[in-house]
Every structure is written in structure tokens, then in C-alpha cells.
Amino acid sequence: MATIDDLTRLIPPPAAPVHADGDWAAVEATLGLSLPADYRALVAAYGLGGFDDINLLTPFAAAVSEHADLLWHAGRLHQLLGESRAKNPDAVPFPLFPEPGGLLEWAGTGTGIALCWLTGGEPDSWPVVVFDYLYHKERYEVGAVDLLHGHFSGSRVIDGLDEPPRTPWFDAHRDREHVYVRLSDSAVPYAERLRILRAALAPTADRGSFVDEDEGDDSRQDHFKAIDRDWQVTYETAYGHQIRVAFPPADAAAARSVIFAAARDMGCTVTRTTTHRGEPVWT
């Protein structure tokens, strides 16, 4: 069984985890049950944030967003699926918290997969269920830390989770602005454009890539992080030729300057800049 020390060796935690400390006794009194020791250690080490696409909930995040807060999620599955289960019991083959032994979510993915405990018996023996209403109802006889370590080390295949990156990471929660920079075509080959962009943001770290085998460079995504700046970047042609960048709000002027200069060096013209909600920005 993997421990929190095994996980932190595999995926370094942030130097200053956010929303990692609080009154555990009050949390457990609100829930009406104790929580597993490995989860408490997980929150203490990493705090609020994400392992690749897996977003860890903490019980101390209500000030940031109710959607990041474990206590807010405690009754969510029951609210969402209670009526549906009555009509289609096979789609929800587990009790839902606060029902005795019910599913309690402790993390989730951007694609809507819930990582839950099945809360019957002693907390440290709760299995994890990877769940969504339509496709995934897999039960794993491991705790939260062991499941994460198995997934990101490649020693355990977890149905419903994306293939883990070769070098896994954890990003602590931070307020970020998200800007999409649409680009004209360029005579410079894709690989060279990517090299120029990464050089402008160096040092960088890989965050995975995707290439459509049929389309090649015409349908490609490369994700990476600008380490010293703590910017998250995607360069792609899969959903239009663009650079997507997420950065702390105080870095807005620097982000605009660096990305625009890199685009020129890539042989591109910036044609439009918007937020991830489609609102004009950097005009």
C-alpha cells in the first residue's frame, strides 16, 4: 500500500499548500463521520489544487468556491441522482451520502468523473469508487492516496481517468486569468513554432500532448508550464491555431508582452484575444 511519503516522492507537493489546514473536528462533526487518515495527510501535504486533471477537494475551501469544498459536495450526488436512481437503480448501484455507507466525493475530474469513498465501516478501510452516472462505477479496494499513487505511477489502471502524464504534477490553487490568443497561419513548421514559444517562456515543463494521427500538425495540442512564471500554456491547432495561457492576474501585462513577441517570432499575426468565456481582452 502506497503512503503519503510515496506520493510526495512521486509528485512534489507545493511549498505552501493552500486551504490545507482547519478544524478537522468541526468538519467531521458536520459530516457525522470521521475521515480517513490518508486523506487528512493528503490535504495537509497538497491542499487545494489539481493532480493533472484530478481536482482535490478540501473541507477548508468554502472561501474560494463552494465547488472546491468537500462539505458542499457531501450531499451533491444524492441531490443530483436521488430521483434518477429511483427510476433506474442499475445506473446508481451504491447508496449516496448521507445515506448510511453512501458515496462521498473527495476529488473530481474536468470531465465529470467523481472519485468517492464508499463510507461503510472503518474510515481507513473505505474503498474508492470512480463514478459517473452513465459509464463508470468501478470500485477499488484502496484509499485515496494509494489510488492516486497507483494511477500516476502507472502501476494501476483506473477506468475513467485519462492516461497519466509521464511526469505527473500538482498545481496548487491560485487565482488565474485565462486568455486565448488566436493566430494567423505561419510558414514556420509547427515543431519550430513550439520550440520558439517554449524558449520565450523557458524554463518549461511538459504537461502532455495530443496529435491526431490522421491530421498530424493540423490537429495537435502541446501543454506545458512556464515554471518560474507559474503560467500554464497550451499551443494548439486542434481547436484553431492558438495559444492558451493561464496566469496570475498581476502578470497580465507581462503575459501579453511575452506571448505577442513569441507569436511574431513564430511568424504569426495575433488575430484575436479573448478570455476563456469569449470576452475580448488585450485589445
C-alpha atoms as a PDB file:
ATOM      1  CA  MET A   1       0.000   0.000   0.000  1.00  0.00           C
ATOM      2  CA  ALA A   2       1.382   3.376  -1.026  1.00  0.00           C
ATOM      3  CA  THR A   3       1.762   6.010   1.691  1.00  0.00           C
ATOM      4  CA  ILE A   4       1.687   9.788   1.580  1.00  0.00           C
ATOM      5  CA  ASP A   5       5.506   9.714   1.551  1.00  0.00           C
ATOM      6  CA  ASP A   6       5.426   7.551  -1.574  1.00  0.00           C
ATOM      7  CA  LEU A   7       3.068  10.003  -3.241  1.00  0.00           C
ATOM      8  CA  THR A   8       5.064  13.113  -2.327  1.00  0.00           C
ATOM      9  CA  ARG A   9       8.224  11.494  -3.700  1.00  0.00           C
ATOM     10  CA  LEU A  10       6.398  10.819  -6.960  1.00  0.00           C
ATOM     11  CA  ILE A  11       4.592  14.170  -7.150  1.00  0.00           C
ATOM     12  CA  PRO A  12       6.236  17.001  -5.193  1.00  0.00           C
ATOM     13  CA  PRO A  13       3.712  18.968  -3.127  1.00  0.00           C
ATOM     14  CA  PRO A  14       3.644  22.775  -3.150  1.00  0.00           C
ATOM     15  CA  ALA A  15       5.945  24.605  -0.765  1.00  0.00           C
ATOM     16  CA  ALA A  16       2.955  26.453   0.661  1.00  0.00           C
ATOM     17  CA  PRO A  17      -0.251  24.427   0.210  1.00  0.00           C
ATOM     18  CA  VAL A  18      -3.443  26.474   0.281  1.00  0.00           C
ATOM     19  CA  HIS A  19      -6.570  25.652   2.291  1.00  0.00           C
ATOM     20  CA  ALA A  20      -4.748  22.704   3.815  1.00  0.00           C
ATOM     21  CA  ASP A  21      -5.398  23.415   7.497  1.00  0.00           C
ATOM     22  CA  GLY A  22      -8.516  23.819   9.587  1.00  0.00           C
ATOM     23  CA  ASP A  23     -10.729  22.380  12.264  1.00  0.00           C
ATOM     24  CA  TRP A  24     -10.991  18.699  11.365  1.00  0.00           C
ATOM     25  CA  ALA A  25     -13.147  18.001  14.420  1.00  0.00           C
ATOM     26  CA  ALA A  26     -15.718  20.541  13.226  1.00  0.00           C
ATOM     27  CA  VAL A  27     -15.652  19.072   9.716  1.00  0.00           C
ATOM     28  CA  GLU A  28     -16.241  15.554  10.993  1.00  0.00           C
ATOM     29  CA  ALA A  29     -18.990  16.758  13.320  1.00  0.00           C
ATOM     30  CA  THR A  30     -20.731  18.386  10.345  1.00  0.00           C
ATOM     31  CA  LEU A  31     -20.443  15.219   8.270  1.00  0.00           C
ATOM     32  CA  GLY A  32     -21.347  12.954  11.165  1.00  0.00           C
ATOM     33  CA  LEU A  33     -18.408  10.640  10.451  1.00  0.00           C
ATOM     34  CA  SER A  34     -14.633  10.507  10.719  1.00  0.00           C
ATOM     35  CA  LEU A  35     -12.447  10.833   7.640  1.00  0.00           C
ATOM     36  CA  PRO A  36      -9.585   8.549   6.565  1.00  0.00           C
ATOM     37  CA  ALA A  37      -6.137   9.359   7.932  1.00  0.00           C
ATOM     38  CA  ASP A  38      -4.557   9.183   4.466  1.00  0.00           C
ATOM     39  CA  TYR A  39      -6.976  11.843   3.170  1.00  0.00           C
ATOM     40  CA  ARG A  40      -6.124  14.151   6.058  1.00  0.00           C
ATOM     41  CA  ALA A  41      -2.444  13.668   5.229  1.00  0.00           C
ATOM     42  CA  LEU A  42      -3.199  14.279   1.528  1.00  0.00           C
ATOM     43  CA  VAL A  43      -4.900  17.605   2.273  1.00  0.00           C
ATOM     44  CA  ALA A  44      -2.137  18.655   4.678  1.00  0.00           C
ATOM     45  CA  ALA A  45       0.570  17.940   2.075  1.00  0.00           C
ATOM     46  CA  TYR A  46      -1.077  19.319  -1.075  1.00  0.00           C
ATOM     47  CA  GLY A  47      -4.041  21.487  -0.104  1.00  0.00           C
ATOM     48  CA  LEU A  48      -6.451  22.725  -2.734  1.00  0.00           C
ATOM     49  CA  GLY A  49      -5.444  22.166  -6.348  1.00  0.00           C
ATOM     50  CA  GLY A  50      -5.111  19.546  -9.024  1.00  0.00           C
ATOM     51  CA  PHE A  51      -3.145  16.434  -9.891  1.00  0.00           C
ATOM     52  CA  ASP A  52      -3.211  16.824 -13.667  1.00  0.00           C
ATOM     53  CA  ASP A  53      -6.993  16.693 -14.331  1.00  0.00           C
ATOM     54  CA  ILE A  54      -7.914  15.387 -10.855  1.00  0.00           C
ATOM     55  CA  ASN A  55      -9.036  18.227  -8.613  1.00  0.00           C
ATOM     56  CA  LEU A  56      -8.620  17.539  -4.908  1.00  0.00           C
ATOM     57  CA  LEU A  57     -11.390  18.799  -2.639  1.00  0.00           C
ATOM     58  CA  THR A  58     -10.602  20.049   0.835  1.00  0.00           C
ATOM     59  CA  PRO A  59     -13.043  20.807   3.671  1.00  0.00           C
ATOM     60  CA  PHE A  60     -11.480  24.261   4.125  1.00  0.00           C
ATOM     61  CA  ALA A  61     -12.082  25.773   0.681  1.00  0.00           C
ATOM     62  CA  ALA A  62     -15.514  27.369   1.058  1.00  0.00           C
ATOM     63  CA  ALA A  63     -13.972  30.854   0.955  1.00  0.00           C
ATOM     64  CA  VAL A  64     -12.555  30.104  -2.500  1.00  0.00           C
ATOM     65  CA  SER A  65     -15.526  28.324  -4.040  1.00  0.00           C
ATOM     66  CA  GLU A  66     -18.237  26.023  -2.780  1.00  0.00           C
ATOM     67  CA  HIS A  67     -17.409  23.768  -5.731  1.00  0.00           C
ATOM     68  CA  ALA A  68     -13.933  23.144  -4.278  1.00  0.00           C
ATOM     69  CA  ASP A  69     -15.246  22.381  -0.799  1.00  0.00           C
ATOM     70  CA  LEU A  70     -15.638  18.815   0.462  1.00  0.00           C
ATOM     71  CA  LEU A  71     -18.572  19.743   2.682  1.00  0.00           C
ATOM     72  CA  TRP A  72     -20.509  21.303  -0.203  1.00  0.00           C
ATOM     73  CA  HIS A  73     -20.000  18.119  -2.225  1.00  0.00           C
ATOM     74  CA  ALA A  74     -21.127  15.894   0.642  1.00  0.00           C
ATOM     75  CA  GLY A  75     -24.782  15.831  -0.412  1.00  0.00           C
ATOM     76  CA  ARG A  76     -24.360  16.701  -4.084  1.00  0.00           C
ATOM     77  CA  LEU A  77     -24.605  13.202  -5.562  1.00  0.00           C
ATOM     78  CA  HIS A  78     -27.739  12.489  -3.573  1.00  0.00           C
ATOM     79  CA  GLN A  79     -29.314  15.749  -4.739  1.00  0.00           C
ATOM     80  CA  LEU A  80     -28.359  15.131  -8.356  1.00  0.00           C
ATOM     81  CA  LEU A  81     -29.107  11.429  -8.633  1.00  0.00           C
ATOM     82  CA  GLY A  82     -31.612  10.502  -5.951  1.00  0.00           C
ATOM     83  CA  GLU A  83     -34.638  10.782  -8.240  1.00  0.00           C
ATOM     84  CA  SER A  84     -32.832   9.238 -11.219  1.00  0.00           C
ATOM     85  CA  ARG A  85     -31.807   6.250  -9.119  1.00  0.00           C
ATOM     86  CA  ALA A  86     -35.437   5.587  -8.229  1.00  0.00           C
ATOM     87  CA  LYS A  87     -36.228   5.310 -11.954  1.00  0.00           C
ATOM     88  CA  ASN A  88     -33.046   3.482 -12.971  1.00  0.00           C
ATOM     89  CA  PRO A  89     -31.458   1.673  -9.985  1.00  0.00           C
ATOM     90  CA  ASP A  90     -28.818  -0.038 -12.124  1.00  0.00           C
ATOM     91  CA  ALA A  91     -27.298   3.349 -13.005  1.00  0.00           C
ATOM     92  CA  VAL A  92     -26.557   4.094  -9.331  1.00  0.00           C
ATOM     93  CA  PRO A  93     -25.716   0.774  -7.636  1.00  0.00           C
ATOM     94  CA  PHE A  94     -24.458   2.435  -4.432  1.00  0.00           C
ATOM     95  CA  PRO A  95     -26.039   4.357  -1.575  1.00  0.00           C
ATOM     96  CA  LEU A  96     -25.413   8.092  -1.742  1.00  0.00           C
ATOM     97  CA  PHE A  97     -24.217  10.093   1.248  1.00  0.00           C
ATOM     98  CA  PRO A  98     -25.806  10.987   3.688  1.00  0.00           C
ATOM     99  CA  GLU A  99     -27.383   7.555   3.365  1.00  0.00           C
ATOM    100  CA  PRO A 100     -25.520   5.001   5.528  1.00  0.00           C
ATOM    101  CA  GLY A 101     -22.411   3.797   3.724  1.00  0.00           C
ATOM    102  CA  GLY A 102     -23.079   6.240   0.876  1.00  0.00           C
ATOM    103  CA  LEU A 103     -20.705   7.641  -1.751  1.00  0.00           C
ATOM    104  CA  LEU A 104     -18.852  10.748  -0.560  1.00  0.00           C
ATOM    105  CA  GLU A 105     -16.816  12.630  -3.160  1.00  0.00           C
ATOM    106  CA  TRP A 106     -13.233  13.689  -2.320  1.00  0.00           C
ATOM    107  CA  ALA A 107     -11.974  14.623  -5.791  1.00  0.00           C
ATOM    108  CA  GLY A 108     -13.274  15.037  -9.328  1.00  0.00           C
ATOM    109  CA  THR A 109     -12.091  15.496 -12.901  1.00  0.00           C
ATOM    110  CA  GLY A 110     -12.791  18.105 -15.521  1.00  0.00           C
ATOM    111  CA  THR A 111     -14.775  15.503 -17.452  1.00  0.00           C
ATOM    112  CA  GLY A 112     -17.240  14.933 -14.616  1.00  0.00           C
ATOM    113  CA  ILE A 113     -15.810  11.796 -13.010  1.00  0.00           C
ATOM    114  CA  ALA A 114     -16.255  11.722  -9.231  1.00  0.00           C
ATOM    115  CA  LEU A 115     -13.686   9.996  -7.024  1.00  0.00           C
ATOM    116  CA  CYS A 116     -15.630   8.877  -3.957  1.00  0.00           C
ATOM    117  CA  TRP A 117     -15.364   6.827  -0.833  1.00  0.00           C
ATOM    118  CA  LEU A 118     -17.903   4.148  -0.095  1.00  0.00           C
ATOM    119  CA  THR A 119     -18.286   5.174   3.528  1.00  0.00           C
ATOM    120  CA  GLY A 120     -19.266   1.946   5.299  1.00  0.00           C
ATOM    121  CA  GLY A 121     -17.136   0.567   8.112  1.00  0.00           C
ATOM    122  CA  GLU A 122     -13.871   1.988   9.433  1.00  0.00           C
ATOM    123  CA  PRO A 123     -12.763   5.125   7.525  1.00  0.00           C
ATOM    124  CA  ASP A 124      -9.242   3.846   6.900  1.00  0.00           C
ATOM    125  CA  SER A 125     -10.701   0.826   5.086  1.00  0.00           C
ATOM    126  CA  TRP A 126     -13.126   2.753   2.850  1.00  0.00           C
ATOM    127  CA  PRO A 127     -12.734   1.718  -0.794  1.00  0.00           C
ATOM    128  CA  VAL A 128     -12.662   4.290  -3.577  1.00  0.00           C
ATOM    129  CA  VAL A 129     -15.340   4.284  -6.269  1.00  0.00           C
ATOM    130  CA  VAL A 130     -14.691   6.036  -9.593  1.00  0.00           C
ATOM    131  CA  PHE A 131     -18.164   7.100 -10.580  1.00  0.00           C
ATOM    132  CA  ASP A 132     -20.338   8.862 -13.055  1.00  0.00           C
ATOM    133  CA  TYR A 133     -23.984   8.254 -13.845  1.00  0.00           C
ATOM    134  CA  LEU A 134     -23.573   6.865 -17.352  1.00  0.00           C
ATOM    135  CA  TYR A 135     -20.354   4.883 -17.700  1.00  0.00           C
ATOM    136  CA  HIS A 136     -18.202   4.407 -14.617  1.00  0.00           C
ATOM    137  CA  LYS A 137     -18.983   2.563 -11.406  1.00  0.00           C
ATOM    138  CA  GLU A 138     -15.656   0.897 -10.626  1.00  0.00           C
ATOM    139  CA  ARG A 139     -14.753   0.027  -7.042  1.00  0.00           C
ATOM    140  CA  TYR A 140     -11.115  -0.169  -5.920  1.00  0.00           C
ATOM    141  CA  GLU A 141     -10.149  -1.675  -2.568  1.00  0.00           C
ATOM    142  CA  VAL A 142      -7.661   1.105  -1.839  1.00  0.00           C
ATOM    143  CA  GLY A 143      -7.716   4.526  -0.211  1.00  0.00           C
ATOM    144  CA  ALA A 144      -7.304   7.950  -1.811  1.00  0.00           C
ATOM    145  CA  VAL A 145      -3.509   8.120  -1.560  1.00  0.00           C
ATOM    146  CA  ASP A 146      -2.978   4.572  -2.825  1.00  0.00           C
ATOM    147  CA  LEU A 147      -5.302   5.140  -5.773  1.00  0.00           C
ATOM    148  CA  LEU A 148      -3.550   8.372  -6.790  1.00  0.00           C
ATOM    149  CA  HIS A 149      -0.124   6.801  -6.458  1.00  0.00           C
ATOM    150  CA  GLY A 150      -1.164   3.743  -8.452  1.00  0.00           C
ATOM    151  CA  HIS A 151      -2.643   5.869 -11.214  1.00  0.00           C
ATOM    152  CA  PHE A 152       0.218   8.342 -11.572  1.00  0.00           C
ATOM    153  CA  SER A 153       2.971   5.755 -11.171  1.00  0.00           C
ATOM    154  CA  GLY A 154       1.350   3.632 -13.860  1.00  0.00           C
ATOM    155  CA  SER A 155       1.103   0.622 -11.562  1.00  0.00           C
ATOM    156  CA  ARG A 156      -2.703   0.569 -11.577  1.00  0.00           C
ATOM    157  CA  VAL A 157      -5.090   1.301 -14.450  1.00  0.00           C
ATOM    158  CA  ILE A 158      -8.072   3.324 -13.270  1.00  0.00           C
ATOM    159  CA  ASP A 159     -11.046   3.211 -15.623  1.00  0.00           C
ATOM    160  CA  GLY A 160     -12.456   6.655 -16.328  1.00  0.00           C
ATOM    161  CA  LEU A 161      -9.224   8.573 -15.707  1.00  0.00           C
ATOM    162  CA  ASP A 162      -7.091   9.929 -18.536  1.00  0.00           C
ATOM    163  CA  GLU A 163      -3.741   8.299 -19.164  1.00  0.00           C
ATOM    164  CA  PRO A 164      -1.324   9.864 -16.668  1.00  0.00           C
ATOM    165  CA  PRO A 165       1.444  12.171 -17.898  1.00  0.00           C
ATOM    166  CA  ARG A 166       4.983  10.841 -17.992  1.00  0.00           C
ATOM    167  CA  THR A 167       5.969  13.389 -15.356  1.00  0.00           C
ATOM    168  CA  PRO A 168       2.981  13.925 -13.045  1.00  0.00           C
ATOM    169  CA  TRP A 169       2.457  17.190 -11.217  1.00  0.00           C
ATOM    170  CA  PHE A 170       0.276  19.003  -8.718  1.00  0.00           C
ATOM    171  CA  ASP A 171      -0.778  22.622  -9.192  1.00  0.00           C
ATOM    172  CA  ALA A 172      -1.829  24.429  -6.034  1.00  0.00           C
ATOM    173  CA  HIS A 173      -4.965  26.514  -6.411  1.00  0.00           C
ATOM    174  CA  ARG A 174      -4.281  30.064  -7.478  1.00  0.00           C
ATOM    175  CA  ASP A 175      -6.449  32.755  -8.990  1.00  0.00           C
ATOM    176  CA  ARG A 176      -5.648  32.876 -12.689  1.00  0.00           C
ATOM    177  CA  GLU A 177      -6.737  34.763 -15.759  1.00  0.00           C
ATOM    178  CA  HIS A 178      -7.253  32.666 -18.892  1.00  0.00           C
ATOM    179  CA  VAL A 179      -6.557  34.187 -22.307  1.00  0.00           C
ATOM    180  CA  TYR A 180      -6.925  32.590 -25.723  1.00  0.00           C
ATOM    181  CA  VAL A 181      -4.647  34.132 -28.375  1.00  0.00           C
ATOM    182  CA  ARG A 182      -5.790  33.288 -31.898  1.00  0.00           C
ATOM    183  CA  LEU A 183      -3.055  33.256 -34.533  1.00  0.00           C
ATOM    184  CA  SER A 184      -2.773  33.501 -38.292  1.00  0.00           C
ATOM    185  CA  ASP A 185      -1.160  30.733 -40.303  1.00  0.00           C
ATOM    186  CA  SER A 186       2.628  30.615 -40.487  1.00  0.00           C
ATOM    187  CA  ALA A 187       5.166  29.244 -42.944  1.00  0.00           C
ATOM    188  CA  VAL A 188       7.284  28.121 -39.996  1.00  0.00           C
ATOM    189  CA  PRO A 189       6.821  24.377 -39.237  1.00  0.00           C
ATOM    190  CA  TYR A 190       4.783  23.535 -36.144  1.00  0.00           C
ATOM    191  CA  ALA A 191       7.685  21.975 -34.243  1.00  0.00           C
ATOM    192  CA  GLU A 192       9.795  25.096 -34.708  1.00  0.00           C
ATOM    193  CA  ARG A 193       6.929  27.367 -33.668  1.00  0.00           C
ATOM    194  CA  LEU A 194       6.530  25.314 -30.498  1.00  0.00           C
ATOM    195  CA  ARG A 195      10.274  25.500 -29.811  1.00  0.00           C
ATOM    196  CA  ILE A 196      10.214  29.306 -30.201  1.00  0.00           C
ATOM    197  CA  LEU A 197       7.262  29.656 -27.840  1.00  0.00           C
ATOM    198  CA  ARG A 198       8.816  27.451 -25.189  1.00  0.00           C
ATOM    199  CA  ALA A 199      12.148  29.251 -25.479  1.00  0.00           C
ATOM    200  CA  ALA A 200      10.355  32.560 -24.831  1.00  0.00           C
ATOM    201  CA  LEU A 201       8.862  31.090 -21.661  1.00  0.00           C
ATOM    202  CA  ALA A 202      11.835  28.987 -20.516  1.00  0.00           C
ATOM    203  CA  PRO A 203      12.292  27.103 -18.321  1.00  0.00           C
ATOM    204  CA  THR A 204       9.256  24.975 -19.121  1.00  0.00           C
ATOM    205  CA  ALA A 205       7.968  21.531 -18.163  1.00  0.00           C
ATOM    206  CA  ASP A 206       5.899  19.155 -20.305  1.00  0.00           C
ATOM    207  CA  ARG A 207       2.241  18.724 -19.390  1.00  0.00           C
ATOM    208  CA  GLY A 208       1.308  16.262 -22.113  1.00  0.00           C
ATOM    209  CA  SER A 209       0.466  16.448 -25.806  1.00  0.00           C
ATOM    210  CA  PHE A 210      -2.050  15.154 -28.310  1.00  0.00           C
ATOM    211  CA  VAL A 211      -1.685  14.545 -32.044  1.00  0.00           C
ATOM    212  CA  ASP A 212      -4.456  13.307 -34.308  1.00  0.00           C
ATOM    213  CA  GLU A 213      -2.752  10.562 -36.312  1.00  0.00           C
ATOM    214  CA  ASP A 214      -4.791  11.374 -39.415  1.00  0.00           C
ATOM    215  CA  GLU A 215      -4.368  15.166 -39.252  1.00  0.00           C
ATOM    216  CA  GLY A 216      -0.838  15.447 -37.829  1.00  0.00           C
ATOM    217  CA  ASP A 217       0.291  19.012 -37.168  1.00  0.00           C
ATOM    218  CA  ASP A 218      -3.100  20.316 -38.319  1.00  0.00           C
ATOM    219  CA  SER A 219      -4.720  18.840 -35.201  1.00  0.00           C
ATOM    220  CA  ARG A 220      -2.247  18.937 -32.359  1.00  0.00           C
ATOM    221  CA  GLN A 221      -2.041  20.153 -28.766  1.00  0.00           C
ATOM    222  CA  ASP A 222       1.042  20.655 -26.611  1.00  0.00           C
ATOM    223  CA  HIS A 223       0.580  21.522 -22.935  1.00  0.00           C
ATOM    224  CA  PHE A 224       3.386  22.835 -20.750  1.00  0.00           C
ATOM    225  CA  LYS A 225       4.105  25.022 -17.768  1.00  0.00           C
ATOM    226  CA  ALA A 226       6.365  28.074 -17.608  1.00  0.00           C
ATOM    227  CA  ILE A 227       7.972  27.064 -14.340  1.00  0.00           C
ATOM    228  CA  ASP A 228       9.419  30.297 -12.971  1.00  0.00           C
ATOM    229  CA  ARG A 229       6.374  32.320 -14.016  1.00  0.00           C
ATOM    230  CA  ASP A 230       3.809  29.698 -12.885  1.00  0.00           C
ATOM    231  CA  TRP A 231       1.928  30.090 -16.174  1.00  0.00           C
ATOM    232  CA  GLN A 232       0.004  27.188 -17.741  1.00  0.00           C
ATOM    233  CA  VAL A 233       0.219  27.136 -21.538  1.00  0.00           C
ATOM    234  CA  THR A 234      -1.290  25.206 -24.421  1.00  0.00           C
ATOM    235  CA  TYR A 235      -0.186  25.653 -28.016  1.00  0.00           C
ATOM    236  CA  GLU A 236      -2.532  24.017 -30.471  1.00  0.00           C
ATOM    237  CA  THR A 237      -4.041  23.635 -33.893  1.00  0.00           C
ATOM    238  CA  ALA A 238      -6.703  21.159 -32.747  1.00  0.00           C
ATOM    239  CA  TYR A 239      -9.308  23.837 -31.989  1.00  0.00           C
ATOM    240  CA  GLY A 240      -7.973  26.569 -34.191  1.00  0.00           C
ATOM    241  CA  HIS A 241      -4.426  27.903 -34.287  1.00  0.00           C
ATOM    242  CA  GLN A 242      -3.944  29.471 -30.872  1.00  0.00           C
ATOM    243  CA  ILE A 243      -2.008  29.855 -27.666  1.00  0.00           C
ATOM    244  CA  ARG A 244      -3.960  29.419 -24.431  1.00  0.00           C
ATOM    245  CA  VAL A 245      -2.307  30.849 -21.350  1.00  0.00           C
ATOM    246  CA  ALA A 246      -3.406  30.955 -17.680  1.00  0.00           C
ATOM    247  CA  PHE A 247      -1.516  33.257 -15.334  1.00  0.00           C
ATOM    248  CA  PRO A 248      -1.878  35.146 -12.039  1.00  0.00           C
ATOM    249  CA  PRO A 249      -3.778  38.430 -12.576  1.00  0.00           C
ATOM    250  CA  ALA A 250      -0.749  40.525 -11.627  1.00  0.00           C
ATOM    251  CA  ASP A 251       1.129  39.048 -14.611  1.00  0.00           C
ATOM    252  CA  ALA A 252      -1.339  40.244 -17.249  1.00  0.00           C
ATOM    253  CA  ALA A 253       0.919  42.905 -18.781  1.00  0.00           C
ATOM    254  CA  ALA A 254       3.938  40.597 -18.820  1.00  0.00           C
ATOM    255  CA  ALA A 255       1.891  37.749 -20.329  1.00  0.00           C
ATOM    256  CA  ARG A 256       0.624  39.965 -23.128  1.00  0.00           C
ATOM    257  CA  SER A 257       4.125  41.232 -23.920  1.00  0.00           C
ATOM    258  CA  VAL A 258       5.811  37.821 -23.891  1.00  0.00           C
ATOM    259  CA  ILE A 259       3.096  35.981 -25.829  1.00  0.00           C
ATOM    260  CA  PHE A 260       2.775  38.684 -28.503  1.00  0.00           C
ATOM    261  CA  ALA A 261       6.562  38.779 -29.002  1.00  0.00           C
ATOM    262  CA  ALA A 262       6.716  34.987 -29.246  1.00  0.00           C
ATOM    263  CA  ALA A 263       3.889  34.984 -31.802  1.00  0.00           C
ATOM    264  CA  ARG A 264       5.835  37.405 -34.007  1.00  0.00           C
ATOM    265  CA  ASP A 265       8.935  35.221 -33.759  1.00  0.00           C
ATOM    266  CA  MET A 266       6.781  32.224 -34.724  1.00  0.00           C
ATOM    267  CA  GLY A 267       5.849  34.029 -37.952  1.00  0.00           C
ATOM    268  CA  CYS A 268       2.259  34.615 -36.814  1.00  0.00           C
ATOM    269  CA  THR A 269      -0.062  37.566 -36.509  1.00  0.00           C
ATOM    270  CA  VAL A 270      -2.359  37.794 -33.496  1.00  0.00           C
ATOM    271  CA  THR A 271      -5.882  37.952 -34.915  1.00  0.00           C
ATOM    272  CA  ARG A 272      -7.976  37.910 -31.723  1.00  0.00           C
ATOM    273  CA  THR A 273      -7.583  37.671 -27.968  1.00  0.00           C
ATOM    274  CA  THR A 274     -10.386  36.618 -25.630  1.00  0.00           C
ATOM    275  CA  THR A 275     -10.946  35.237 -22.175  1.00  0.00           C
ATOM    276  CA  HIS A 276     -11.971  31.585 -21.916  1.00  0.00           C
ATOM    277  CA  ARG A 277     -15.540  32.912 -21.777  1.00  0.00           C
ATOM    278  CA  GLY A 278     -15.149  34.586 -25.177  1.00  0.00           C
ATOM    279  CA  GLU A 279     -14.883  38.145 -23.865  1.00  0.00           C
ATOM    280  CA  PRO A 280     -12.440  40.468 -25.700  1.00  0.00           C
ATOM    281  CA  VAL A 281      -9.208  41.171 -23.820  1.00  0.00           C
ATOM    282  CA  TRP A 282      -5.745  42.606 -24.508  1.00  0.00           C
ATOM    283  CA  THR A 283      -7.189  44.909 -27.168  1.00  0.00           C
END
